[in-house]
Protein backbone atom coordinates (compact mmCIF):
# COMPACT_ATOMS: atom_id res chain seq x y z
CA MET A 1 -34.73 -7.32 -51.50
CA ALA A 2 -34.46 -3.07 -50.89
CA ASP A 3 -37.38 -1.75 -49.67
CA GLY A 4 -37.28 2.24 -50.02
CA THR A 5 -39.63 5.73 -50.26
CA PRO A 6 -38.33 9.14 -51.03
CA GLU A 7 -38.31 10.40 -47.10
CA GLY A 8 -34.80 10.81 -46.02
CA ARG A 9 -33.22 9.42 -49.02
CA ALA A 10 -30.87 12.77 -49.79
CA GLY A 11 -28.01 12.00 -51.76
CA ILE A 12 -29.18 8.72 -53.74
CA TYR A 13 -29.39 10.19 -56.60
CA ARG A 14 -28.47 13.19 -58.70
CA ILE A 15 -29.52 15.18 -62.57
CA LEU A 16 -27.76 15.56 -65.10
CA GLU A 17 -28.27 17.66 -67.59
CA HIS A 18 -27.97 16.93 -71.82
CA GLU A 19 -28.72 18.65 -74.39
CA ALA A 20 -32.41 17.70 -75.51
CA ASP A 21 -32.34 15.01 -72.80
CA ILE A 22 -31.94 14.76 -69.18
CA GLY A 23 -30.59 12.32 -66.95
CA PHE A 24 -29.36 11.43 -63.26
CA GLU A 25 -26.59 9.44 -61.55
CA VAL A 26 -27.82 7.25 -59.30
CA TYR A 27 -26.55 4.76 -56.03
CA GLY A 28 -27.11 1.87 -54.11
CA LYS A 29 -25.62 -0.87 -51.59
CA ASP A 30 -27.04 -3.41 -54.31
CA GLU A 31 -28.76 -4.07 -57.03
CA ALA A 32 -32.16 -3.46 -55.58
CA ASP A 33 -31.38 -0.74 -54.10
CA LEU A 34 -30.27 0.43 -56.78
CA PHE A 35 -33.60 -0.05 -58.78
CA VAL A 36 -35.56 1.52 -56.17
CA ASN A 37 -33.46 4.35 -55.80
CA ALA A 38 -33.69 4.32 -59.76
CA ALA A 39 -37.70 5.01 -60.01
CA THR A 40 -37.22 7.58 -57.47
CA ALA A 41 -35.36 9.31 -59.49
CA LEU A 42 -37.08 9.10 -62.63
CA PHE A 43 -40.53 9.74 -60.60
CA SER A 44 -39.23 12.86 -58.93
CA LEU A 45 -38.71 14.09 -61.77
CA ILE A 46 -42.44 13.43 -63.36
CA THR A 47 -43.62 14.93 -60.39
CA ASP A 48 -43.48 16.47 -56.61
CA LEU A 49 -43.43 12.27 -54.78
CA ASP A 50 -43.96 14.68 -51.71
CA GLN A 51 -47.38 14.91 -53.13
CA VAL A 52 -48.21 11.00 -53.62
CA GLU A 53 -49.91 8.76 -51.37
CA THR A 54 -49.77 5.32 -50.86
CA ARG A 55 -53.57 3.60 -52.08
CA LEU A 56 -53.09 1.60 -54.22
CA LYS A 57 -50.73 -1.33 -55.07
CA ARG A 58 -48.84 -2.66 -58.84
CA GLU A 59 -46.45 -4.80 -59.07
CA VAL A 60 -43.98 -4.76 -62.45
CA ALA A 61 -42.95 -8.65 -63.19
CA VAL A 62 -39.47 -7.79 -65.95
CA ALA A 63 -36.36 -10.25 -67.38
CA ASP A 64 -33.37 -8.97 -68.64
CA ASP A 65 -29.46 -10.07 -68.89
CA GLU A 66 -28.31 -6.86 -70.27
CA VAL A 67 -29.80 -4.49 -69.39
CA LEU A 68 -32.32 -4.82 -66.25
CA LEU A 69 -32.60 -1.02 -65.05
CA VAL A 70 -33.83 0.24 -68.25
CA VAL A 71 -36.23 -2.62 -68.88
CA PHE A 72 -37.40 -2.39 -65.52
CA LEU A 73 -37.57 2.19 -65.64
CA ASN A 74 -39.75 1.92 -69.18
CA GLU A 75 -42.01 -0.79 -67.59
CA LEU A 76 -42.97 1.77 -65.15
CA LEU A 77 -42.96 4.30 -67.10
CA TYR A 78 -45.76 2.30 -68.85
CA VAL A 79 -47.75 2.24 -66.19
CA TRP A 80 -47.47 5.46 -65.46
CA ASP A 81 -48.71 6.03 -69.83
CA VAL A 82 -51.46 4.05 -69.48
CA GLU A 83 -52.72 4.16 -66.41
CA ARG A 84 -50.61 7.81 -64.79
CA PHE A 85 -50.05 5.41 -61.49
CA ILE A 86 -47.08 7.15 -59.19
CA PRO A 87 -45.44 4.74 -57.75
CA LYS A 88 -43.90 6.11 -54.26
CA LYS A 89 -42.70 2.95 -52.22
CA LEU A 90 -41.29 0.55 -53.83
CA SER A 91 -40.14 -2.87 -52.91
CA VAL A 92 -37.00 -4.44 -55.49
CA ARG A 93 -36.17 -8.21 -55.47
CA VAL A 94 -33.72 -9.65 -58.70
CA LYS A 95 -32.43 -12.32 -58.77
CA ASN A 96 -31.04 -14.52 -62.07
CA GLY A 97 -31.34 -11.24 -64.40
CA ARG A 98 -35.24 -11.55 -63.12
CA LEU A 99 -36.75 -8.17 -61.24
CA HIS A 100 -40.41 -8.26 -59.69
CA ALA A 101 -41.41 -5.24 -58.13
CA ASP A 102 -44.30 -4.29 -55.45
CA LEU A 103 -45.36 -0.40 -55.89
CA GLU A 104 -47.55 1.52 -53.96
CA GLY A 105 -48.58 4.96 -54.91
CA GLU A 106 -51.47 6.32 -56.72
CA ILE A 107 -53.18 7.29 -60.29
CA LEU A 108 -52.08 11.66 -61.03
CA ASP A 109 -55.10 13.56 -59.17
CA PRO A 110 -54.36 16.34 -61.22
CA GLU A 111 -56.05 18.63 -58.39
CA ARG A 112 -53.22 17.46 -56.17
CA HIS A 113 -49.91 16.65 -58.27
CA SER A 114 -48.18 18.76 -61.19
CA VAL A 115 -46.61 17.15 -63.89
CA ARG A 116 -43.22 18.67 -64.20
CA LYS A 117 -42.13 16.88 -67.13
CA GLU A 118 -43.32 13.82 -69.35
CA ILE A 119 -40.81 11.67 -70.07
CA LYS A 120 -40.76 9.56 -73.34
CA ALA A 121 -38.51 6.90 -72.49
CA VAL A 122 -35.60 5.22 -70.64
CA THR A 123 -33.01 5.42 -73.63
CA TYR A 124 -28.93 3.66 -73.79
CA HIS A 125 -27.77 6.23 -74.54
CA LYS A 126 -24.44 6.51 -72.19
CA PHE A 127 -26.83 3.83 -70.26
CA ALA A 128 -24.19 2.52 -67.87
CA VAL A 129 -23.82 0.50 -64.17
CA GLN A 130 -20.45 0.06 -62.32
CA GLU A 131 -18.94 -0.89 -59.22
CA GLU A 132 -17.98 2.11 -57.37
CA GLU A 133 -16.52 1.67 -53.51
CA GLY A 134 -19.17 -1.68 -52.43
CA ALA A 135 -22.00 0.21 -54.00
CA LEU A 136 -23.39 0.00 -57.58
CA LYS A 137 -23.74 3.54 -59.40
CA ALA A 138 -26.07 4.24 -62.90
CA ARG A 139 -25.68 6.86 -65.48
CA VAL A 140 -29.15 6.64 -67.02
CA TYR A 141 -30.64 9.53 -69.85
CA LEU A 142 -33.98 9.80 -70.51
CA ASP A 143 -36.02 11.18 -73.51
CA ILE A 144 -38.01 14.26 -72.88
């Protein structure tokens, strides 16, 4: 299980520019950590996470053996699109191709939060997860 917040998490991802899309490379010590860091990267593109408080809780559960990270991030985007919920703190458990995430954050407040980018979807374009020096690295591109 990985539990993370953006504070003190420098070096967990880097932004990748690509024509009409934007992407990121994300790193994690294990699969759960990779998913937490990917969610942090995704929502740091959407808004300033330093302005988000952990007032509300949500749960997300997804299953997919092949592309669990893409499915998970798209589920987070669905929650964002429907509720305007911004997760700041995540706790993720991954086992046998199934993921369960507990999210803490809040609903977008236009007086306190600005939307940097509207993300339409997480794509399969150039998606990759690989092991590198005992850790995991993923490349993710987003349709904006």
